[in-house]
Amino acid sequence: MLQVLGNHAQLAKDLRAAVADLNQVNPWMGMWRFMLLGAGVVSLSAIAWQMPNPSLFVGVTVLAGLVYAFGFICTHDATHQTLTGWRWFDTVMPRLVSWPMLWPFGTYAILHRLHHSWNGLDLRDPERVHWTCQEYQQAHPLVRWYVRHQWVVDIFVLSGIGLIIKTLIHGVNLQDIQPRLRTQMALDLASMALIQSSVVSFIYFTGHSVFKYLLFWLLIERTVGMVMQTRDHIEHYGLWGTAGSYQLTQLYNCRNIRAGSFQNWLMGGLPYHSIHHAFPEIPFDQLPAAFHRIEAVLAAYQLPSMTLEQGYLSSTLSWVSATSMHGDPALIDTNHLGA
């Protein structure tokens, strides 16, 4: 990993100064993004349930799931209080959106803050998508096969359910580090059970098909999960290691994706993931400007540019090919961590 010589303190000061005016959250922009996407999900879901043709039901439900996925990304902004900046809104609304899909948002929010602290620095990072060389060598042959085909398995097989299970496992394993996880996990699990039992009971007693609801939920879960798994891998896979300081580690351990303004709006600024990691207080609409300013500072210090991919599709296809067709996983060499 990159080693940076010189005055780290001055570099960090210049990096912060370059984006100091970009951390003001416009609450209405975030709220309307959330509400518009939410309205799209509700409308498409209502249309899907009116479809007598099974194929049309599946097609419209998948479309609803796609919009739901972009709405789900709003919950990520909320973990940083950058969706609206209104603490009550950014605390309550993400849970109401997440619990129907069995997503333990309260647990995730705590783990996500650990992810920001540990990315590239601590192998306990709960959102690490890499395996170390030692983990790979000591794993069962079936697990090693999974590592070599991780992108395909995670995106198309494990999908949303895989993310849910992974989050709950980390929530249990990291309780000693973050005791609040016990309370949040209990609240998440109780709320998810209450909501799902209420929905299924309502459907059953109103004469609707429970099987149709389960199919509806599964289609939404598959669609949302594939989007989330894809962006999760693109943002970090193949990049790991310290770079001399916390900020530089975040800037060089995240992948940025070239995106237009509408795509950036849909993805909540995540295409500029390096900037988000180094400066999580910057709202999504300001991240493109921050990216160019940070690049200018890095150039002034004669440091390499941040990783920038041309698009989500091309990046995904490239990594799927590398890890699945050629069996070439990106493993972390722990002998060189921090070197």
C-alpha atoms as a PDB file:
ATOM      1  CA  MET A   1       0.000   0.000   0.000  1.00  0.00           C
ATOM      2  CA  LEU A   2       1.053   3.563  -0.660  1.00  0.00           C
ATOM      3  CA  GLN A   3       3.508   5.134   1.744  1.00  0.00           C
ATOM      4  CA  VAL A   4       3.342   8.907   2.120  1.00  0.00           C
ATOM      5  CA  LEU A   5       6.359  10.895   3.184  1.00  0.00           C
ATOM      6  CA  GLY A   6       6.397  14.404   4.545  1.00  0.00           C
ATOM      7  CA  ASN A   7       4.143  16.404   6.803  1.00  0.00           C
ATOM      8  CA  HIS A   8       1.029  14.339   7.470  1.00  0.00           C
ATOM      9  CA  ALA A   9      -0.378  17.003   9.772  1.00  0.00           C
ATOM     10  CA  GLN A  10      -0.203  19.696   7.106  1.00  0.00           C
ATOM     11  CA  LEU A  11      -1.664  17.392   4.467  1.00  0.00           C
ATOM     12  CA  ALA A  12      -4.571  16.494   6.740  1.00  0.00           C
ATOM     13  CA  LYS A  13      -5.138  20.178   7.451  1.00  0.00           C
ATOM     14  CA  ASP A  14      -5.168  21.005   3.732  1.00  0.00           C
ATOM     15  CA  LEU A  15      -7.548  18.152   2.975  1.00  0.00           C
ATOM     16  CA  ARG A  16      -9.977  19.339   5.631  1.00  0.00           C
ATOM     17  CA  ALA A  17      -9.710  22.949   4.522  1.00  0.00           C
ATOM     18  CA  ALA A  18     -10.484  22.013   0.912  1.00  0.00           C
ATOM     19  CA  VAL A  19     -13.933  20.701   1.828  1.00  0.00           C
ATOM     20  CA  ALA A  20     -14.702  22.708   4.968  1.00  0.00           C
ATOM     21  CA  ASP A  21     -17.608  24.551   3.319  1.00  0.00           C
ATOM     22  CA  LEU A  22     -19.290  21.415   1.933  1.00  0.00           C
ATOM     23  CA  ASN A  23     -20.709  19.859   5.096  1.00  0.00           C
ATOM     24  CA  GLN A  24     -23.999  21.761   5.230  1.00  0.00           C
ATOM     25  CA  VAL A  25     -26.958  19.389   4.891  1.00  0.00           C
ATOM     26  CA  ASN A  26     -29.961  20.602   2.921  1.00  0.00           C
ATOM     27  CA  PRO A  27     -32.765  18.787   4.779  1.00  0.00           C
ATOM     28  CA  TRP A  28     -35.347  19.283   2.054  1.00  0.00           C
ATOM     29  CA  MET A  29     -33.169  17.749  -0.645  1.00  0.00           C
ATOM     30  CA  GLY A  30     -32.682  14.579   1.367  1.00  0.00           C
ATOM     31  CA  MET A  31     -36.276  14.389   2.515  1.00  0.00           C
ATOM     32  CA  TRP A  32     -37.689  14.791  -0.998  1.00  0.00           C
ATOM     33  CA  ARG A  33     -35.282  12.182  -2.322  1.00  0.00           C
ATOM     34  CA  PHE A  34     -36.501   9.815   0.381  1.00  0.00           C
ATOM     35  CA  MET A  35     -40.178  10.642  -0.176  1.00  0.00           C
ATOM     36  CA  LEU A  36     -40.049  10.446  -3.981  1.00  0.00           C
ATOM     37  CA  LEU A  37     -38.387   7.048  -3.944  1.00  0.00           C
ATOM     38  CA  GLY A  38     -40.783   5.880  -1.245  1.00  0.00           C
ATOM     39  CA  ALA A  39     -43.767   7.019  -3.299  1.00  0.00           C
ATOM     40  CA  GLY A  40     -42.357   5.122  -6.267  1.00  0.00           C
ATOM     41  CA  VAL A  41     -42.092   1.925  -4.235  1.00  0.00           C
ATOM     42  CA  VAL A  42     -45.635   2.217  -2.862  1.00  0.00           C
ATOM     43  CA  SER A  43     -47.110   3.018  -6.284  1.00  0.00           C
ATOM     44  CA  LEU A  44     -45.339   0.201  -8.098  1.00  0.00           C
ATOM     45  CA  SER A  45     -46.171  -2.261  -5.322  1.00  0.00           C
ATOM     46  CA  ALA A  46     -49.852  -1.316  -5.502  1.00  0.00           C
ATOM     47  CA  ILE A  47     -49.818  -1.746  -9.279  1.00  0.00           C
ATOM     48  CA  ALA A  48     -48.086  -5.130  -8.964  1.00  0.00           C
ATOM     49  CA  TRP A  49     -50.772  -6.444  -6.618  1.00  0.00           C
ATOM     50  CA  GLN A  50     -53.456  -5.454  -9.125  1.00  0.00           C
ATOM     51  CA  MET A  51     -51.833  -7.447 -11.916  1.00  0.00           C
ATOM     52  CA  PRO A  52     -53.810 -10.603 -12.759  1.00  0.00           C
ATOM     53  CA  ASN A  53     -51.028 -11.892 -15.001  1.00  0.00           C
ATOM     54  CA  PRO A  54     -48.267 -13.627 -12.969  1.00  0.00           C
ATOM     55  CA  SER A  55     -45.534 -12.482 -15.365  1.00  0.00           C
ATOM     56  CA  LEU A  56     -46.626  -8.861 -15.071  1.00  0.00           C
ATOM     57  CA  PHE A  57     -46.834  -9.232 -11.304  1.00  0.00           C
ATOM     58  CA  VAL A  58     -43.225 -10.445 -11.209  1.00  0.00           C
ATOM     59  CA  GLY A  59     -42.002  -7.756 -13.614  1.00  0.00           C
ATOM     60  CA  VAL A  60     -43.587  -4.826 -11.796  1.00  0.00           C
ATOM     61  CA  THR A  61     -42.514  -6.203  -8.412  1.00  0.00           C
ATOM     62  CA  VAL A  62     -38.897  -6.403  -9.575  1.00  0.00           C
ATOM     63  CA  LEU A  63     -39.155  -2.799 -10.770  1.00  0.00           C
ATOM     64  CA  ALA A  64     -40.541  -1.843  -7.354  1.00  0.00           C
ATOM     65  CA  GLY A  65     -37.584  -3.659  -5.794  1.00  0.00           C
ATOM     66  CA  LEU A  66     -35.154  -1.650  -7.883  1.00  0.00           C
ATOM     67  CA  VAL A  67     -36.680   1.622  -6.695  1.00  0.00           C
ATOM     68  CA  TYR A  68     -36.752   0.200  -3.155  1.00  0.00           C
ATOM     69  CA  ALA A  69     -33.000  -0.437  -3.432  1.00  0.00           C
ATOM     70  CA  PHE A  70     -32.317   3.220  -4.171  1.00  0.00           C
ATOM     71  CA  GLY A  71     -34.625   4.175  -1.320  1.00  0.00           C
ATOM     72  CA  PHE A  72     -32.701   1.774   0.900  1.00  0.00           C
ATOM     73  CA  ILE A  73     -29.529   3.700   0.150  1.00  0.00           C
ATOM     74  CA  CYS A  74     -31.150   6.686   1.863  1.00  0.00           C
ATOM     75  CA  THR A  75     -30.875   4.734   5.112  1.00  0.00           C
ATOM     76  CA  HIS A  76     -27.097   4.791   4.675  1.00  0.00           C
ATOM     77  CA  ASP A  77     -27.165   8.602   4.585  1.00  0.00           C
ATOM     78  CA  ALA A  78     -29.262   8.482   7.741  1.00  0.00           C
ATOM     79  CA  THR A  79     -26.585   6.574   9.660  1.00  0.00           C
ATOM     80  CA  HIS A  80     -24.379   9.661   9.227  1.00  0.00           C
ATOM     81  CA  GLN A  81     -27.200  12.138   9.865  1.00  0.00           C
ATOM     82  CA  THR A  82     -26.681  13.523   6.348  1.00  0.00           C
ATOM     83  CA  LEU A  83     -30.005  12.542   4.798  1.00  0.00           C
ATOM     84  CA  THR A  84     -31.925  15.475   6.287  1.00  0.00           C
ATOM     85  CA  GLY A  85     -29.849  16.463   9.304  1.00  0.00           C
ATOM     86  CA  TRP A  86     -33.031  16.167  11.375  1.00  0.00           C
ATOM     87  CA  ARG A  87     -32.065  13.670  14.036  1.00  0.00           C
ATOM     88  CA  TRP A  88     -35.602  12.379  14.595  1.00  0.00           C
ATOM     89  CA  PHE A  89     -36.164  11.812  10.861  1.00  0.00           C
ATOM     90  CA  ASP A  90     -32.789  10.200  10.240  1.00  0.00           C
ATOM     91  CA  THR A  91     -33.358   7.932  13.251  1.00  0.00           C
ATOM     92  CA  VAL A  92     -36.998   6.876  12.853  1.00  0.00           C
ATOM     93  CA  MET A  93     -37.652   6.708   9.109  1.00  0.00           C
ATOM     94  CA  PRO A  94     -34.807   4.327   8.172  1.00  0.00           C
ATOM     95  CA  ARG A  95     -36.109   1.795  10.677  1.00  0.00           C
ATOM     96  CA  LEU A  96     -39.640   1.967   9.276  1.00  0.00           C
ATOM     97  CA  VAL A  97     -38.237   1.351   5.793  1.00  0.00           C
ATOM     98  CA  SER A  98     -35.824  -1.404   6.831  1.00  0.00           C
ATOM     99  CA  TRP A  99     -37.800  -3.567   9.237  1.00  0.00           C
ATOM    100  CA  PRO A 100     -40.388  -4.809   6.674  1.00  0.00           C
ATOM    101  CA  MET A 101     -37.473  -6.258   4.667  1.00  0.00           C
ATOM    102  CA  LEU A 102     -35.974  -7.833   7.819  1.00  0.00           C
ATOM    103  CA  TRP A 103     -33.038  -5.436   7.647  1.00  0.00           C
ATOM    104  CA  PRO A 104     -31.738  -4.774  11.217  1.00  0.00           C
ATOM    105  CA  PHE A 105     -31.032  -1.095  10.697  1.00  0.00           C
ATOM    106  CA  GLY A 106     -30.182  -0.252  14.309  1.00  0.00           C
ATOM    107  CA  THR A 107     -27.579  -3.019  14.382  1.00  0.00           C
ATOM    108  CA  TYR A 108     -26.225  -1.988  10.992  1.00  0.00           C
ATOM    109  CA  ALA A 109     -25.923   1.674  12.022  1.00  0.00           C
ATOM    110  CA  ILE A 110     -23.585   0.785  14.894  1.00  0.00           C
ATOM    111  CA  LEU A 111     -21.559  -1.661  12.792  1.00  0.00           C
ATOM    112  CA  HIS A 112     -21.288   0.860   9.976  1.00  0.00           C
ATOM    113  CA  ARG A 113     -19.581   3.343  12.258  1.00  0.00           C
ATOM    114  CA  LEU A 114     -17.082   0.630  13.169  1.00  0.00           C
ATOM    115  CA  HIS A 115     -16.583   0.027   9.452  1.00  0.00           C
ATOM    116  CA  HIS A 116     -15.629   3.677   8.973  1.00  0.00           C
ATOM    117  CA  SER A 117     -13.162   3.424  11.846  1.00  0.00           C
ATOM    118  CA  TRP A 118     -11.610   0.105  10.797  1.00  0.00           C
ATOM    119  CA  ASN A 119     -11.620   0.166   6.993  1.00  0.00           C
ATOM    120  CA  GLY A 120      -8.085  -0.614   5.830  1.00  0.00           C
ATOM    121  CA  LEU A 121      -6.828  -0.596   9.412  1.00  0.00           C
ATOM    122  CA  ASP A 122      -8.437  -3.419  11.409  1.00  0.00           C
ATOM    123  CA  LEU A 123      -9.393  -6.851  10.090  1.00  0.00           C
ATOM    124  CA  ARG A 124     -12.400  -6.901  12.414  1.00  0.00           C
ATOM    125  CA  ASP A 125     -14.090  -4.456  10.027  1.00  0.00           C
ATOM    126  CA  PRO A 126     -17.699  -5.790   9.887  1.00  0.00           C
ATOM    127  CA  GLU A 127     -18.092  -4.786   6.232  1.00  0.00           C
ATOM    128  CA  ARG A 128     -14.810  -6.285   5.010  1.00  0.00           C
ATOM    129  CA  VAL A 129     -15.380  -8.173   1.754  1.00  0.00           C
ATOM    130  CA  HIS A 130     -11.788  -9.419   1.515  1.00  0.00           C
ATOM    131  CA  TRP A 131     -10.327 -12.609   2.875  1.00  0.00           C
ATOM    132  CA  THR A 132      -6.776 -12.723   4.148  1.00  0.00           C
ATOM    133  CA  CYS A 133      -4.273 -15.174   2.694  1.00  0.00           C
ATOM    134  CA  GLN A 134      -4.227 -17.019   6.027  1.00  0.00           C
ATOM    135  CA  GLU A 135      -8.024 -17.255   6.179  1.00  0.00           C
ATOM    136  CA  TYR A 136      -8.119 -18.600   2.642  1.00  0.00           C
ATOM    137  CA  GLN A 137      -5.368 -21.166   3.186  1.00  0.00           C
ATOM    138  CA  GLN A 138      -6.962 -22.478   6.393  1.00  0.00           C
ATOM    139  CA  ALA A 139     -10.492 -22.617   4.975  1.00  0.00           C
ATOM    140  CA  HIS A 140     -12.367 -25.741   3.885  1.00  0.00           C
ATOM    141  CA  PRO A 141     -12.111 -26.447   0.119  1.00  0.00           C
ATOM    142  CA  LEU A 142     -15.772 -25.466  -0.330  1.00  0.00           C
ATOM    143  CA  VAL A 143     -15.118 -22.140   1.386  1.00  0.00           C
ATOM    144  CA  ARG A 144     -12.105 -21.552  -0.845  1.00  0.00           C
ATOM    145  CA  TRP A 145     -14.341 -22.225  -3.847  1.00  0.00           C
ATOM    146  CA  TYR A 146     -16.746 -19.608  -2.492  1.00  0.00           C
ATOM    147  CA  VAL A 147     -13.919 -17.077  -2.109  1.00  0.00           C
ATOM    148  CA  ARG A 148     -12.907 -17.632  -5.738  1.00  0.00           C
ATOM    149  CA  HIS A 149     -16.509 -17.088  -6.843  1.00  0.00           C
ATOM    150  CA  GLN A 150     -17.460 -14.554  -4.217  1.00  0.00           C
ATOM    151  CA  TRP A 151     -18.942 -11.904  -6.473  1.00  0.00           C
ATOM    152  CA  VAL A 152     -21.386 -14.240  -8.199  1.00  0.00           C
ATOM    153  CA  VAL A 153     -22.379 -16.070  -5.010  1.00  0.00           C
ATOM    154  CA  ASP A 154     -22.822 -12.933  -2.921  1.00  0.00           C
ATOM    155  CA  ILE A 155     -24.767 -11.009  -5.545  1.00  0.00           C
ATOM    156  CA  PHE A 156     -26.990 -13.687  -7.042  1.00  0.00           C
ATOM    157  CA  VAL A 157     -27.237 -16.385  -4.355  1.00  0.00           C
ATOM    158  CA  LEU A 158     -26.794 -14.850  -0.912  1.00  0.00           C
ATOM    159  CA  SER A 159     -28.089 -11.443  -1.964  1.00  0.00           C
ATOM    160  CA  GLY A 160     -30.169  -9.614   0.679  1.00  0.00           C
ATOM    161  CA  ILE A 161     -30.523 -12.597   3.007  1.00  0.00           C
ATOM    162  CA  GLY A 162     -26.746 -12.950   3.020  1.00  0.00           C
ATOM    163  CA  LEU A 163     -26.316  -9.335   4.109  1.00  0.00           C
ATOM    164  CA  ILE A 164     -28.929  -9.757   6.849  1.00  0.00           C
ATOM    165  CA  ILE A 165     -27.225 -12.865   8.247  1.00  0.00           C
ATOM    166  CA  LYS A 166     -23.763 -11.291   8.003  1.00  0.00           C
ATOM    167  CA  THR A 167     -24.953  -8.198   9.891  1.00  0.00           C
ATOM    168  CA  LEU A 168     -26.555 -10.225  12.668  1.00  0.00           C
ATOM    169  CA  ILE A 169     -23.457 -12.429  13.046  1.00  0.00           C
ATOM    170  CA  HIS A 170     -21.204  -9.384  13.382  1.00  0.00           C
ATOM    171  CA  GLY A 171     -23.719  -7.866  15.770  1.00  0.00           C
ATOM    172  CA  VAL A 172     -23.339 -10.880  18.046  1.00  0.00           C
ATOM    173  CA  ASN A 173     -19.553 -11.121  17.691  1.00  0.00           C
ATOM    174  CA  LEU A 174     -18.865  -7.450  18.382  1.00  0.00           C
ATOM    175  CA  GLN A 175     -21.166  -6.975  21.378  1.00  0.00           C
ATOM    176  CA  ASP A 176     -18.237  -6.823  23.787  1.00  0.00           C
ATOM    177  CA  ILE A 177     -16.761  -3.921  21.809  1.00  0.00           C
ATOM    178  CA  GLN A 178     -20.088  -2.140  21.354  1.00  0.00           C
ATOM    179  CA  PRO A 179     -22.475  -3.131  24.208  1.00  0.00           C
ATOM    180  CA  ARG A 180     -25.247  -1.050  22.583  1.00  0.00           C
ATOM    181  CA  LEU A 181     -25.497  -3.791  19.969  1.00  0.00           C
ATOM    182  CA  ARG A 182     -27.395  -5.974  22.451  1.00  0.00           C
ATOM    183  CA  THR A 183     -30.193  -3.434  22.811  1.00  0.00           C
ATOM    184  CA  GLN A 184     -30.305  -2.572  19.126  1.00  0.00           C
ATOM    185  CA  MET A 185     -30.397  -6.198  18.022  1.00  0.00           C
ATOM    186  CA  ALA A 186     -33.230  -6.938  20.440  1.00  0.00           C
ATOM    187  CA  LEU A 187     -35.183  -3.930  19.175  1.00  0.00           C
ATOM    188  CA  ASP A 188     -34.542  -4.845  15.535  1.00  0.00           C
ATOM    189  CA  LEU A 189     -35.539  -8.490  15.933  1.00  0.00           C
ATOM    190  CA  ALA A 190     -38.674  -7.715  17.962  1.00  0.00           C
ATOM    191  CA  SER A 191     -39.790  -4.992  15.552  1.00  0.00           C
ATOM    192  CA  MET A 192     -39.177  -7.128  12.472  1.00  0.00           C
ATOM    193  CA  ALA A 193     -41.119 -10.023  13.971  1.00  0.00           C
ATOM    194  CA  LEU A 194     -44.012  -7.753  14.935  1.00  0.00           C
ATOM    195  CA  ILE A 195     -44.235  -6.126  11.512  1.00  0.00           C
ATOM    196  CA  GLN A 196     -44.013  -9.369   9.552  1.00  0.00           C
ATOM    197  CA  SER A 197     -46.518 -11.196  11.741  1.00  0.00           C
ATOM    198  CA  SER A 198     -48.919  -8.264  11.461  1.00  0.00           C
ATOM    199  CA  VAL A 199     -48.612  -8.121   7.665  1.00  0.00           C
ATOM    200  CA  VAL A 200     -49.058 -11.881   7.215  1.00  0.00           C
ATOM    201  CA  SER A 201     -52.033 -11.893   9.590  1.00  0.00           C
ATOM    202  CA  PHE A 202     -53.671  -9.008   7.734  1.00  0.00           C
ATOM    203  CA  ILE A 203     -53.190 -10.729   4.382  1.00  0.00           C
ATOM    204  CA  TYR A 204     -54.529 -14.034   5.684  1.00  0.00           C
ATOM    205  CA  PHE A 205     -57.619 -12.635   7.402  1.00  0.00           C
ATOM    206  CA  THR A 206     -58.521 -10.395   4.446  1.00  0.00           C
ATOM    207  CA  GLY A 207     -58.576 -13.373   2.117  1.00  0.00           C
ATOM    208  CA  HIS A 208     -55.425 -12.572   0.158  1.00  0.00           C
ATOM    209  CA  SER A 209     -52.788 -15.134  -0.772  1.00  0.00           C
ATOM    210  CA  VAL A 210     -50.003 -15.514   1.773  1.00  0.00           C
ATOM    211  CA  PHE A 211     -47.993 -17.345  -0.902  1.00  0.00           C
ATOM    212  CA  LYS A 212     -48.301 -14.297  -3.178  1.00  0.00           C
ATOM    213  CA  TYR A 213     -47.010 -12.080  -0.386  1.00  0.00           C
ATOM    214  CA  LEU A 214     -44.053 -14.394   0.240  1.00  0.00           C
ATOM    215  CA  LEU A 215     -43.253 -14.312  -3.491  1.00  0.00           C
ATOM    216  CA  PHE A 216     -43.591 -10.518  -3.466  1.00  0.00           C
ATOM    217  CA  TRP A 217     -41.230 -10.229  -0.479  1.00  0.00           C
ATOM    218  CA  LEU A 218     -38.710 -12.635  -2.008  1.00  0.00           C
ATOM    219  CA  LEU A 219     -38.641 -10.731  -5.319  1.00  0.00           C
ATOM    220  CA  ILE A 220     -38.051  -7.466  -3.465  1.00  0.00           C
ATOM    221  CA  GLU A 221     -35.355  -9.085  -1.321  1.00  0.00           C
ATOM    222  CA  ARG A 222     -33.564 -10.526  -4.353  1.00  0.00           C
ATOM    223  CA  THR A 223     -33.606  -7.222  -6.232  1.00  0.00           C
ATOM    224  CA  VAL A 224     -32.596  -5.016  -3.314  1.00  0.00           C
ATOM    225  CA  GLY A 225     -29.972  -7.535  -2.222  1.00  0.00           C
ATOM    226  CA  MET A 226     -28.334  -7.744  -5.645  1.00  0.00           C
ATOM    227  CA  VAL A 227     -28.019  -3.956  -5.826  1.00  0.00           C
ATOM    228  CA  MET A 228     -26.625  -3.725  -2.296  1.00  0.00           C
ATOM    229  CA  GLN A 229     -24.187  -6.604  -2.695  1.00  0.00           C
ATOM    230  CA  THR A 230     -22.926  -5.153  -5.984  1.00  0.00           C
ATOM    231  CA  ARG A 231     -22.248  -1.702  -4.594  1.00  0.00           C
ATOM    232  CA  ASP A 232     -20.799  -3.202  -1.404  1.00  0.00           C
ATOM    233  CA  HIS A 233     -18.193  -5.123  -3.401  1.00  0.00           C
ATOM    234  CA  ILE A 234     -17.423  -2.383  -5.902  1.00  0.00           C
ATOM    235  CA  GLU A 235     -16.778   0.150  -3.167  1.00  0.00           C
ATOM    236  CA  HIS A 236     -14.005  -1.812  -1.436  1.00  0.00           C
ATOM    237  CA  TYR A 237     -13.055  -5.095  -3.096  1.00  0.00           C
ATOM    238  CA  GLY A 238      -9.380  -5.351  -4.015  1.00  0.00           C
ATOM    239  CA  LEU A 239      -8.355  -2.334  -1.947  1.00  0.00           C
ATOM    240  CA  TRP A 240      -6.972  -2.858   1.537  1.00  0.00           C
ATOM    241  CA  GLY A 241      -4.087  -1.537   3.634  1.00  0.00           C
ATOM    242  CA  THR A 242      -2.865   1.513   5.471  1.00  0.00           C
ATOM    243  CA  ALA A 243      -1.566   4.563   3.610  1.00  0.00           C
ATOM    244  CA  GLY A 244       0.295   6.505   6.263  1.00  0.00           C
ATOM    245  CA  SER A 245      -2.657   8.300   7.859  1.00  0.00           C
ATOM    246  CA  TYR A 246      -6.322   7.680   8.546  1.00  0.00           C
ATOM    247  CA  GLN A 247      -7.576  10.060   5.858  1.00  0.00           C
ATOM    248  CA  LEU A 248      -5.269   8.742   3.161  1.00  0.00           C
ATOM    249  CA  THR A 249      -6.145   5.169   4.106  1.00  0.00           C
ATOM    250  CA  GLN A 250      -9.807   5.974   3.494  1.00  0.00           C
ATOM    251  CA  LEU A 251      -9.107   7.828   0.252  1.00  0.00           C
ATOM    252  CA  TYR A 252      -7.064   4.965  -1.196  1.00  0.00           C
ATOM    253  CA  ASN A 253      -9.059   2.034   0.225  1.00  0.00           C
ATOM    254  CA  CYS A 254     -12.309   2.910  -1.515  1.00  0.00           C
ATOM    255  CA  ARG A 255     -13.302   2.787  -5.164  1.00  0.00           C
ATOM    256  CA  ASN A 256     -15.004   5.738  -6.870  1.00  0.00           C
ATOM    257  CA  ILE A 257     -17.310   5.356  -9.854  1.00  0.00           C
ATOM    258  CA  ARG A 258     -17.771   7.952 -12.576  1.00  0.00           C
ATOM    259  CA  ALA A 259     -21.440   8.968 -12.340  1.00  0.00           C
ATOM    260  CA  GLY A 260     -23.760  11.632 -13.679  1.00  0.00           C
ATOM    261  CA  SER A 261     -25.799  13.875 -11.408  1.00  0.00           C
ATOM    262  CA  PHE A 262     -28.953  11.706 -11.581  1.00  0.00           C
ATOM    263  CA  GLN A 263     -27.033   8.507 -10.897  1.00  0.00           C
ATOM    264  CA  ASN A 264     -25.292  10.184  -7.982  1.00  0.00           C
ATOM    265  CA  TRP A 265     -28.718  11.291  -6.686  1.00  0.00           C
ATOM    266  CA  LEU A 266     -30.046   7.741  -6.882  1.00  0.00           C
ATOM    267  CA  MET A 267     -26.940   6.305  -5.223  1.00  0.00           C
ATOM    268  CA  GLY A 268     -26.781   8.913  -2.479  1.00  0.00           C
ATOM    269  CA  GLY A 269     -23.267  10.060  -3.353  1.00  0.00           C
ATOM    270  CA  LEU A 270     -21.824   6.554  -2.965  1.00  0.00           C
ATOM    271  CA  PRO A 271     -20.090   6.732  -6.369  1.00  0.00           C
ATOM    272  CA  TYR A 272     -17.653   9.071  -4.571  1.00  0.00           C
ATOM    273  CA  HIS A 273     -16.967   6.540  -1.867  1.00  0.00           C
ATOM    274  CA  SER A 274     -13.419   7.602  -1.039  1.00  0.00           C
ATOM    275  CA  ILE A 275     -14.592  11.084  -0.160  1.00  0.00           C
ATOM    276  CA  HIS A 276     -17.510   9.740   1.832  1.00  0.00           C
ATOM    277  CA  HIS A 277     -15.174   7.589   3.929  1.00  0.00           C
ATOM    278  CA  ALA A 278     -12.677  10.358   4.598  1.00  0.00           C
ATOM    279  CA  PHE A 279     -15.379  12.974   5.235  1.00  0.00           C
ATOM    280  CA  PRO A 280     -18.644  11.208   6.187  1.00  0.00           C
ATOM    281  CA  GLU A 281     -20.198  14.498   7.289  1.00  0.00           C
ATOM    282  CA  ILE A 282     -20.409  15.741   3.674  1.00  0.00           C
ATOM    283  CA  PRO A 283     -23.937  15.217   2.239  1.00  0.00           C
ATOM    284  CA  PHE A 284     -24.436  13.273  -0.979  1.00  0.00           C
ATOM    285  CA  ASP A 285     -25.061  16.302  -3.206  1.00  0.00           C
ATOM    286  CA  GLN A 286     -21.719  17.881  -2.254  1.00  0.00           C
ATOM    287  CA  LEU A 287     -19.532  14.804  -2.750  1.00  0.00           C
ATOM    288  CA  PRO A 288     -18.799  15.369  -6.478  1.00  0.00           C
ATOM    289  CA  ALA A 289     -17.407  18.839  -5.752  1.00  0.00           C
ATOM    290  CA  ALA A 290     -15.441  17.475  -2.793  1.00  0.00           C
ATOM    291  CA  PHE A 291     -13.939  14.750  -5.001  1.00  0.00           C
ATOM    292  CA  HIS A 292     -12.412  17.267  -7.402  1.00  0.00           C
ATOM    293  CA  ARG A 293     -11.095  19.447  -4.585  1.00  0.00           C
ATOM    294  CA  ILE A 294      -9.440  16.501  -2.838  1.00  0.00           C
ATOM    295  CA  GLU A 295      -7.902  15.361  -6.116  1.00  0.00           C
ATOM    296  CA  ALA A 296      -6.358  18.832  -6.473  1.00  0.00           C
ATOM    297  CA  VAL A 297      -4.823  18.612  -2.991  1.00  0.00           C
ATOM    298  CA  LEU A 298      -3.400  15.149  -3.691  1.00  0.00           C
ATOM    299  CA  ALA A 299      -1.900  16.428  -6.942  1.00  0.00           C
ATOM    300  CA  ALA A 300      -0.335  19.378  -5.128  1.00  0.00           C
ATOM    301  CA  TYR A 301       1.395  16.896  -2.802  1.00  0.00           C
ATOM    302  CA  GLN A 302       2.397  14.759  -5.807  1.00  0.00           C
ATOM    303  CA  LEU A 303       0.294  11.858  -4.547  1.00  0.00           C
ATOM    304  CA  PRO A 304      -1.520   9.371  -6.801  1.00  0.00           C
ATOM    305  CA  SER A 305      -5.097   9.974  -7.823  1.00  0.00           C
ATOM    306  CA  MET A 306      -7.859   8.050  -6.102  1.00  0.00           C
ATOM    307  CA  THR A 307      -9.249   4.967  -7.804  1.00  0.00           C
ATOM    308  CA  LEU A 308     -11.908   5.972 -10.334  1.00  0.00           C
ATOM    309  CA  GLU A 309     -13.867   3.406 -12.346  1.00  0.00           C
ATOM    310  CA  GLN A 310     -15.729   4.250 -15.546  1.00  0.00           C
ATOM    311  CA  GLY A 311     -19.033   2.696 -14.487  1.00  0.00           C
ATOM    312  CA  TYR A 312     -20.831   0.246 -12.208  1.00  0.00           C
ATOM    313  CA  LEU A 313     -21.513  -2.278 -14.964  1.00  0.00           C
ATOM    314  CA  SER A 314     -17.987  -2.367 -16.387  1.00  0.00           C
ATOM    315  CA  SER A 315     -16.416  -2.589 -12.935  1.00  0.00           C
ATOM    316  CA  THR A 316     -18.747  -5.400 -11.875  1.00  0.00           C
ATOM    317  CA  LEU A 317     -18.164  -7.410 -15.044  1.00  0.00           C
ATOM    318  CA  SER A 318     -14.411  -6.983 -14.691  1.00  0.00           C
ATOM    319  CA  TRP A 319     -14.316  -8.272 -11.126  1.00  0.00           C
ATOM    320  CA  VAL A 320     -16.794 -11.077 -11.759  1.00  0.00           C
ATOM    321  CA  SER A 321     -14.563 -12.251 -14.584  1.00  0.00           C
ATOM    322  CA  ALA A 322     -11.382 -11.984 -12.496  1.00  0.00           C
ATOM    323  CA  THR A 323     -12.725 -13.761  -9.424  1.00  0.00           C
ATOM    324  CA  SER A 324     -15.066 -16.307 -10.961  1.00  0.00           C
ATOM    325  CA  MET A 325     -13.876 -17.263 -14.422  1.00  0.00           C
ATOM    326  CA  HIS A 326     -10.172 -17.074 -13.599  1.00  0.00           C
ATOM    327  CA  GLY A 327     -10.356 -18.021  -9.910  1.00  0.00           C
ATOM    328  CA  ASP A 328      -8.280 -15.006  -8.888  1.00  0.00           C
ATOM    329  CA  PRO A 329      -9.579 -13.636  -5.561  1.00  0.00           C
ATOM    330  CA  ALA A 330      -8.127 -10.448  -4.084  1.00  0.00           C
ATOM    331  CA  LEU A 331      -6.590 -11.637  -0.821  1.00  0.00           C
ATOM    332  CA  ILE A 332      -5.112  -9.482   1.938  1.00  0.00           C
ATOM    333  CA  ASP A 333      -1.471 -10.187   2.706  1.00  0.00           C
ATOM    334  CA  THR A 334      -1.350  -9.519   6.444  1.00  0.00           C
ATOM    335  CA  ASN A 335       2.446  -9.534   6.335  1.00  0.00           C
ATOM    336  CA  HIS A 336       2.305  -6.186   4.570  1.00  0.00           C
ATOM    337  CA  LEU A 337      -0.463  -4.515   6.551  1.00  0.00           C
ATOM    338  CA  GLY A 338       0.816  -1.229   7.869  1.00  0.00           C
ATOM    339  CA  ALA A 339       4.167  -1.741   6.193  1.00  0.00           C
END
